[in-house]
Every structure is written in structure tokens, then in C-alpha cells.
Amino acid sequence: MAAGLLVVVLVLLGGGAWALVRGMGHANDPARAGGDAGPVSTLDPTPSASAPPAAPATAAAPTPTSPATPTCDPAKIEVAAATDKPVYAPTENPVLTLKVTNKNAIPCPVNVGTSQMEYLVVSGADRIFDSKDCQSDAADLVKTIAAGASETANFPWPRIRSTEGCKAVTVKPLPGTYVLTTSLGSLQSPKAVFTLK
């Protein structure tokens, strides 16, 4: 009889312990608290706020610049030499011409004074005449020459020779071929050929 009572006590203790374990398991299960509500998600249901995507970088528009102001190029000031005739009779005096042309696209100031002009006549290696040899009262004269325009200066040559220092020369140029070169400051013309009879 004592053995039978012991069995009953063990069965009751075992059943109570099992019930206690089951009860503790349900109490610790958050999904079962307050009833079986199905599976519980471990993800945060509220979407987190994220920064908007950055706008693609755009190249800054270039700053408009004013066009460069055109300037006068001295290399585009041209000098030419000429005579009023290609051939002169013994009694005719040549008229020597210096022509300056502005090849720039804008008007340019040019010193066309007698201080800048030179008329040089040679025959082969013989220096015949230079307008600077006996020049006096040379002066500057700045003129604005329009784009593409020209200025001319004429020098009547009395068919005489000259020397540096304006020394007297009695010998006159002989008939033959002569070459005229004109200059305006540092600018020099191409050669112009003429003939004296």
C-alpha cells in the first residue's frame, strides 16, 4: 500500500512539473502572450527615412568673356616705292613716291612725318642719292590711316647726287638704270626700278 501511494505521488509530481515547464515556456514566448497571433516578424515595419539620391553634377556654364579688343599690328603697315614714270628723258626729273598702307582691320595711327621718311636711289653698288643727307627741319606727323587705306608722299628728285653730311657734289647721275627704295621709320619698301635717259 505504501508503494502504491509512492507511485501516485511521483505521477502527480511529474505531471505538475511538466505543466510548470509548459507554462513557463508560454510565458516567455512573446508571440504567445495575449493569445496565438501567428508568427511575429523581427523586421522593423516602419521604413527608415533615407537621403534622396544626389542630383547628378552638372558642369558650370562658362562665364562669357568679352572679345579681345583688336590692336594695330605694326607688321601690317606696309610701305611701297614708286616713280611717276618708268623712263625719263634727259630733261625730265623723276617724282619719287612713298606709299604707306594700313593692312590692319581697324584704323591705325602712323607717324608719316618727314622725320620718318627716306628716299634712297642707287645704281648697282653706287649710292646716288639719299633724302636724309641734306634734310632739315624734319618733323613728326602722326596720322590715323583707315583700315585698308593708304597715304602717299611725293619727292621731286632734281637728278643730283648727295653724300652724307650734305657735302657738295658736282657730278650728276649718268643715264642708266636706277633703283628706288623708300622707308618709313623701320619699315622698308620693295625696290622700284626706273631709267634715266
C-alpha atoms as a PDB file:
ATOM      1  CA  MET A   1       0.000   0.000   0.000  1.00  0.00           C
ATOM      2  CA  ALA A   2       2.852   2.364   0.789  1.00  0.00           C
ATOM      3  CA  ALA A   3       4.396   1.525  -2.559  1.00  0.00           C
ATOM      4  CA  GLY A   4       1.173   2.374  -4.328  1.00  0.00           C
ATOM      5  CA  LEU A   5       0.978   5.758  -2.626  1.00  0.00           C
ATOM      6  CA  LEU A   6       4.563   6.490  -3.656  1.00  0.00           C
ATOM      7  CA  VAL A   7       3.753   5.814  -7.315  1.00  0.00           C
ATOM      8  CA  VAL A   8       0.748   8.118  -7.183  1.00  0.00           C
ATOM      9  CA  VAL A   9       2.847  10.900  -5.614  1.00  0.00           C
ATOM     10  CA  LEU A  10       5.541  10.524  -8.257  1.00  0.00           C
ATOM     11  CA  VAL A  11       2.964  10.670 -11.070  1.00  0.00           C
ATOM     12  CA  LEU A  12       1.405  13.810  -9.614  1.00  0.00           C
ATOM     13  CA  LEU A  13       4.796  15.451  -9.156  1.00  0.00           C
ATOM     14  CA  GLY A  14       5.855  14.549 -12.689  1.00  0.00           C
ATOM     15  CA  GLY A  15       2.649  15.893 -14.192  1.00  0.00           C
ATOM     16  CA  GLY A  16       2.903  19.127 -12.188  1.00  0.00           C
ATOM     17  CA  ALA A  17       6.484  19.677 -13.227  1.00  0.00           C
ATOM     18  CA  TRP A  18       5.615  19.157 -16.896  1.00  0.00           C
ATOM     19  CA  ALA A  19       2.734  21.598 -16.615  1.00  0.00           C
ATOM     20  CA  LEU A  20       5.012  24.169 -14.936  1.00  0.00           C
ATOM     21  CA  VAL A  21       7.608  23.851 -17.674  1.00  0.00           C
ATOM     22  CA  ARG A  22       4.980  24.274 -20.384  1.00  0.00           C
ATOM     23  CA  GLY A  23       3.543  27.272 -18.571  1.00  0.00           C
ATOM     24  CA  MET A  24       6.943  28.951 -18.293  1.00  0.00           C
ATOM     25  CA  GLY A  25       7.637  28.312 -21.980  1.00  0.00           C
ATOM     26  CA  HIS A  26       4.408  30.060 -22.990  1.00  0.00           C
ATOM     27  CA  ALA A  27       5.041  32.919 -20.606  1.00  0.00           C
ATOM     28  CA  ASN A  28       8.462  33.627 -22.195  1.00  0.00           C
ATOM     29  CA  ASP A  29       7.168  33.416 -25.803  1.00  0.00           C
ATOM     30  CA  PRO A  30       6.209  36.960 -26.890  1.00  0.00           C
ATOM     31  CA  ALA A  31       4.287  35.515 -29.803  1.00  0.00           C
ATOM     32  CA  ARG A  32       2.000  33.653 -27.403  1.00  0.00           C
ATOM     33  CA  ALA A  33       1.420  36.482 -24.936  1.00  0.00           C
ATOM     34  CA  GLY A  34      -2.200  37.533 -25.115  1.00  0.00           C
ATOM     35  CA  GLY A  35      -3.106  34.664 -27.479  1.00  0.00           C
ATOM     36  CA  ASP A  36      -1.712  32.985 -30.546  1.00  0.00           C
ATOM     37  CA  ALA A  37      -1.448  35.816 -33.077  1.00  0.00           C
ATOM     38  CA  GLY A  38       0.658  33.915 -35.585  1.00  0.00           C
ATOM     39  CA  PRO A  39       4.312  34.384 -36.423  1.00  0.00           C
ATOM     40  CA  VAL A  40       5.998  37.600 -35.261  1.00  0.00           C
ATOM     41  CA  SER A  41       8.278  39.459 -37.717  1.00  0.00           C
ATOM     42  CA  THR A  42      11.633  40.548 -36.422  1.00  0.00           C
ATOM     43  CA  LEU A  43      11.881  43.278 -39.086  1.00  0.00           C
ATOM     44  CA  ASP A  44      11.105  46.928 -38.327  1.00  0.00           C
ATOM     45  CA  PRO A  45       7.755  47.581 -40.064  1.00  0.00           C
ATOM     46  CA  THR A  46       8.463  51.333 -40.360  1.00  0.00           C
ATOM     47  CA  PRO A  47      10.689  52.055 -43.366  1.00  0.00           C
ATOM     48  CA  SER A  48      13.651  54.124 -42.332  1.00  0.00           C
ATOM     49  CA  ALA A  49      13.972  57.580 -43.900  1.00  0.00           C
ATOM     50  CA  SER A  50      16.851  57.719 -46.371  1.00  0.00           C
ATOM     51  CA  ALA A  51      18.532  60.722 -48.021  1.00  0.00           C
ATOM     52  CA  PRO A  52      17.212  61.457 -51.524  1.00  0.00           C
ATOM     53  CA  PRO A  53      19.591  60.469 -54.306  1.00  0.00           C
ATOM     54  CA  ALA A  54      22.085  63.213 -55.096  1.00  0.00           C
ATOM     55  CA  ALA A  55      21.411  65.092 -58.296  1.00  0.00           C
ATOM     56  CA  PRO A  56      23.993  64.393 -60.984  1.00  0.00           C
ATOM     57  CA  ALA A  57      26.717  67.013 -61.075  1.00  0.00           C
ATOM     58  CA  THR A  58      26.450  69.376 -63.979  1.00  0.00           C
ATOM     59  CA  ALA A  59      29.315  71.323 -65.473  1.00  0.00           C
ATOM     60  CA  ALA A  60      29.216  75.012 -64.663  1.00  0.00           C
ATOM     61  CA  ALA A  61      28.338  77.147 -67.630  1.00  0.00           C
ATOM     62  CA  PRO A  62      31.415  79.047 -68.882  1.00  0.00           C
ATOM     63  CA  THR A  63      31.470  82.686 -67.962  1.00  0.00           C
ATOM     64  CA  PRO A  64      31.045  84.737 -71.109  1.00  0.00           C
ATOM     65  CA  THR A  65      34.108  86.824 -71.870  1.00  0.00           C
ATOM     66  CA  SER A  66      34.325  89.977 -73.870  1.00  0.00           C
ATOM     67  CA  PRO A  67      36.033  89.590 -77.241  1.00  0.00           C
ATOM     68  CA  ALA A  68      39.592  90.841 -77.290  1.00  0.00           C
ATOM     69  CA  THR A  69      39.912  94.428 -78.430  1.00  0.00           C
ATOM     70  CA  PRO A  70      41.712  94.445 -81.791  1.00  0.00           C
ATOM     71  CA  THR A  71      45.021  96.256 -81.839  1.00  0.00           C
ATOM     72  CA  CYS A  72      47.189  97.624 -84.627  1.00  0.00           C
ATOM     73  CA  ASP A  73      49.862  95.189 -85.755  1.00  0.00           C
ATOM     74  CA  PRO A  74      52.956  97.101 -86.958  1.00  0.00           C
ATOM     75  CA  ALA A  75      53.741  94.208 -89.286  1.00  0.00           C
ATOM     76  CA  LYS A  76      50.557  95.059 -91.200  1.00  0.00           C
ATOM     77  CA  ILE A  77      51.713  98.591 -92.004  1.00  0.00           C
ATOM     78  CA  GLU A  78      53.244  98.292 -95.459  1.00  0.00           C
ATOM     79  CA  VAL A  79      55.490 100.699 -97.353  1.00  0.00           C
ATOM     80  CA  ALA A  80      55.873 100.791-101.132  1.00  0.00           C
ATOM     81  CA  ALA A  81      58.102 102.761-103.517  1.00  0.00           C
ATOM     82  CA  ALA A  82      57.178 104.050-106.963  1.00  0.00           C
ATOM     83  CA  THR A  83      58.037 106.639-109.590  1.00  0.00           C
ATOM     84  CA  ASP A  84      55.605 108.603-111.713  1.00  0.00           C
ATOM     85  CA  LYS A  85      57.163 107.189-114.895  1.00  0.00           C
ATOM     86  CA  PRO A  86      59.301 104.165-115.719  1.00  0.00           C
ATOM     87  CA  VAL A  87      61.598 106.083-118.110  1.00  0.00           C
ATOM     88  CA  TYR A  88      62.716 109.741-118.040  1.00  0.00           C
ATOM     89  CA  ALA A  89      64.061 111.882-120.859  1.00  0.00           C
ATOM     90  CA  PRO A  90      67.249 113.866-120.203  1.00  0.00           C
ATOM     91  CA  THR A  91      65.274 116.969-119.265  1.00  0.00           C
ATOM     92  CA  GLU A  92      62.734 115.231-117.020  1.00  0.00           C
ATOM     93  CA  ASN A  93      63.044 114.965-113.249  1.00  0.00           C
ATOM     94  CA  PRO A  94      61.626 111.857-111.575  1.00  0.00           C
ATOM     95  CA  VAL A  95      58.965 112.151-108.876  1.00  0.00           C
ATOM     96  CA  LEU A  96      59.743 109.619-106.174  1.00  0.00           C
ATOM     97  CA  THR A  97      56.734 108.311-104.231  1.00  0.00           C
ATOM     98  CA  LEU A  98      56.481 106.714-100.803  1.00  0.00           C
ATOM     99  CA  LYS A  99      53.188 104.948-100.155  1.00  0.00           C
ATOM    100  CA  VAL A 100      52.128 103.611 -96.742  1.00  0.00           C
ATOM    101  CA  THR A 101      49.124 101.274 -96.441  1.00  0.00           C
ATOM    102  CA  ASN A 102      47.310 100.091 -93.333  1.00  0.00           C
ATOM    103  CA  LYS A 103      46.538  96.381 -93.790  1.00  0.00           C
ATOM    104  CA  ASN A 104      45.002  96.098 -90.312  1.00  0.00           C
ATOM    105  CA  ALA A 105      41.256  95.587 -89.887  1.00  0.00           C
ATOM    106  CA  ILE A 106      40.989  98.781 -87.822  1.00  0.00           C
ATOM    107  CA  PRO A 107      42.219 102.388 -88.233  1.00  0.00           C
ATOM    108  CA  CYS A 108      45.790 102.820 -87.024  1.00  0.00           C
ATOM    109  CA  PRO A 109      47.890 105.843 -86.099  1.00  0.00           C
ATOM    110  CA  VAL A 110      51.073 106.066 -88.171  1.00  0.00           C
ATOM    111  CA  ASN A 111      53.895 108.588 -87.987  1.00  0.00           C
ATOM    112  CA  VAL A 112      54.202 109.779 -91.582  1.00  0.00           C
ATOM    113  CA  GLY A 113      56.332 112.826 -90.784  1.00  0.00           C
ATOM    114  CA  THR A 114      59.494 113.792 -92.611  1.00  0.00           C
ATOM    115  CA  SER A 115      61.438 112.552 -89.580  1.00  0.00           C
ATOM    116  CA  GLN A 116      60.458 109.017 -90.633  1.00  0.00           C
ATOM    117  CA  MET A 117      60.629 109.256 -94.439  1.00  0.00           C
ATOM    118  CA  GLU A 118      63.613 108.305 -96.548  1.00  0.00           C
ATOM    119  CA  TYR A 119      64.091 108.072-100.325  1.00  0.00           C
ATOM    120  CA  LEU A 120      67.209 106.192-101.397  1.00  0.00           C
ATOM    121  CA  VAL A 121      68.386 105.956-105.017  1.00  0.00           C
ATOM    122  CA  VAL A 122      71.194 103.592-106.020  1.00  0.00           C
ATOM    123  CA  SER A 123      72.700 102.315-109.222  1.00  0.00           C
ATOM    124  CA  GLY A 124      74.243  98.917-108.632  1.00  0.00           C
ATOM    125  CA  ALA A 125      76.564  99.346-105.631  1.00  0.00           C
ATOM    126  CA  ASP A 126      76.783 103.131-106.175  1.00  0.00           C
ATOM    127  CA  ARG A 127      74.837 105.181-103.649  1.00  0.00           C
ATOM    128  CA  ILE A 128      73.439 108.034-105.763  1.00  0.00           C
ATOM    129  CA  PHE A 129      71.023 109.977-103.570  1.00  0.00           C
ATOM    130  CA  ASP A 130      69.531 109.841-100.061  1.00  0.00           C
ATOM    131  CA  SER A 131      66.891 112.352 -98.978  1.00  0.00           C
ATOM    132  CA  LYS A 132      68.266 112.344 -95.422  1.00  0.00           C
ATOM    133  CA  ASP A 133      71.700 113.601 -96.483  1.00  0.00           C
ATOM    134  CA  CYS A 134      70.578 117.232 -96.712  1.00  0.00           C
ATOM    135  CA  GLN A 135      67.313 117.078 -94.790  1.00  0.00           C
ATOM    136  CA  SER A 136      66.457 119.973 -92.466  1.00  0.00           C
ATOM    137  CA  ASP A 137      63.544 120.759 -90.181  1.00  0.00           C
ATOM    138  CA  ALA A 138      62.443 117.123 -90.013  1.00  0.00           C
ATOM    139  CA  ALA A 139      59.223 116.735 -88.035  1.00  0.00           C
ATOM    140  CA  ASP A 140      56.832 114.066 -86.814  1.00  0.00           C
ATOM    141  CA  LEU A 141      53.303 113.859 -88.184  1.00  0.00           C
ATOM    142  CA  VAL A 142      51.005 111.172 -86.789  1.00  0.00           C
ATOM    143  CA  LYS A 143      48.008 110.407 -88.959  1.00  0.00           C
ATOM    144  CA  THR A 144      45.255 107.847 -88.408  1.00  0.00           C
ATOM    145  CA  ILE A 145      45.005 105.713 -91.519  1.00  0.00           C
ATOM    146  CA  ALA A 146      41.726 103.857 -92.037  1.00  0.00           C
ATOM    147  CA  ALA A 147      41.713 100.093 -92.467  1.00  0.00           C
ATOM    148  CA  GLY A 148      42.852  99.264 -95.992  1.00  0.00           C
ATOM    149  CA  ALA A 149      43.607 102.913 -96.792  1.00  0.00           C
ATOM    150  CA  SER A 150      46.880 104.491 -97.913  1.00  0.00           C
ATOM    151  CA  GLU A 151      48.823 107.735 -97.610  1.00  0.00           C
ATOM    152  CA  THR A 152      51.375 108.900-100.188  1.00  0.00           C
ATOM    153  CA  ALA A 153      54.214 111.402-100.128  1.00  0.00           C
ATOM    154  CA  ASN A 154      55.973 112.637-103.263  1.00  0.00           C
ATOM    155  CA  PHE A 155      59.564 113.823-103.545  1.00  0.00           C
ATOM    156  CA  PRO A 156      60.665 115.554-106.770  1.00  0.00           C
ATOM    157  CA  TRP A 157      64.270 114.465-107.398  1.00  0.00           C
ATOM    158  CA  PRO A 158      66.303 117.013-109.373  1.00  0.00           C
ATOM    159  CA  ARG A 159      68.652 114.340-110.726  1.00  0.00           C
ATOM    160  CA  ILE A 160      71.513 115.232-108.409  1.00  0.00           C
ATOM    161  CA  ARG A 161      73.857 113.184-106.293  1.00  0.00           C
ATOM    162  CA  SER A 162      74.172 113.568-102.500  1.00  0.00           C
ATOM    163  CA  THR A 163      76.590 112.474 -99.806  1.00  0.00           C
ATOM    164  CA  GLU A 164      76.311 112.039 -96.057  1.00  0.00           C
ATOM    165  CA  GLY A 165      76.738 115.381 -94.322  1.00  0.00           C
ATOM    166  CA  CYS A 166      75.341 117.191 -97.391  1.00  0.00           C
ATOM    167  CA  LYS A 167      78.732 117.825 -98.961  1.00  0.00           C
ATOM    168  CA  ALA A 168      78.649 119.405-102.379  1.00  0.00           C
ATOM    169  CA  VAL A 169      78.781 117.012-105.327  1.00  0.00           C
ATOM    170  CA  THR A 170      79.315 118.343-108.841  1.00  0.00           C
ATOM    171  CA  VAL A 171      78.986 115.063-110.715  1.00  0.00           C
ATOM    172  CA  LYS A 172      75.489 114.343-111.957  1.00  0.00           C
ATOM    173  CA  PRO A 173      73.902 110.898-112.367  1.00  0.00           C
ATOM    174  CA  LEU A 174      74.566 109.344-115.750  1.00  0.00           C
ATOM    175  CA  PRO A 175      71.951 107.776-117.974  1.00  0.00           C
ATOM    176  CA  GLY A 176      71.155 104.253-116.873  1.00  0.00           C
ATOM    177  CA  THR A 177      69.020 102.059-114.635  1.00  0.00           C
ATOM    178  CA  TYR A 178      68.311 103.131-111.065  1.00  0.00           C
ATOM    179  CA  VAL A 179      66.660 101.551-108.061  1.00  0.00           C
ATOM    180  CA  LEU A 180      64.473 103.423-105.574  1.00  0.00           C
ATOM    181  CA  THR A 181      63.815 102.196-102.042  1.00  0.00           C
ATOM    182  CA  THR A 182      61.648 104.134 -99.594  1.00  0.00           C
ATOM    183  CA  SER A 183      61.475 103.794 -95.822  1.00  0.00           C
ATOM    184  CA  LEU A 184      59.155 104.934 -93.058  1.00  0.00           C
ATOM    185  CA  GLY A 185      60.980 104.530 -89.785  1.00  0.00           C
ATOM    186  CA  SER A 186      61.990 100.868 -89.576  1.00  0.00           C
ATOM    187  CA  LEU A 187      59.648  99.871 -92.419  1.00  0.00           C
ATOM    188  CA  GLN A 188      61.263  99.479 -95.834  1.00  0.00           C
ATOM    189  CA  SER A 189      59.683  99.088 -99.232  1.00  0.00           C
ATOM    190  CA  PRO A 190      60.448  96.638-102.004  1.00  0.00           C
ATOM    191  CA  LYS A 191      62.611  98.024-104.830  1.00  0.00           C
ATOM    192  CA  ALA A 192      61.221 100.131-107.663  1.00  0.00           C
ATOM    193  CA  VAL A 193      63.268 100.326-110.885  1.00  0.00           C
ATOM    194  CA  PHE A 194      63.333 103.264-113.304  1.00  0.00           C
ATOM    195  CA  THR A 195      65.536 104.514-116.131  1.00  0.00           C
ATOM    196  CA  LEU A 196      67.202 107.839-116.830  1.00  0.00           C
ATOM    197  CA  LYS A 197      67.971 108.784-120.418  1.00  0.00           C
END
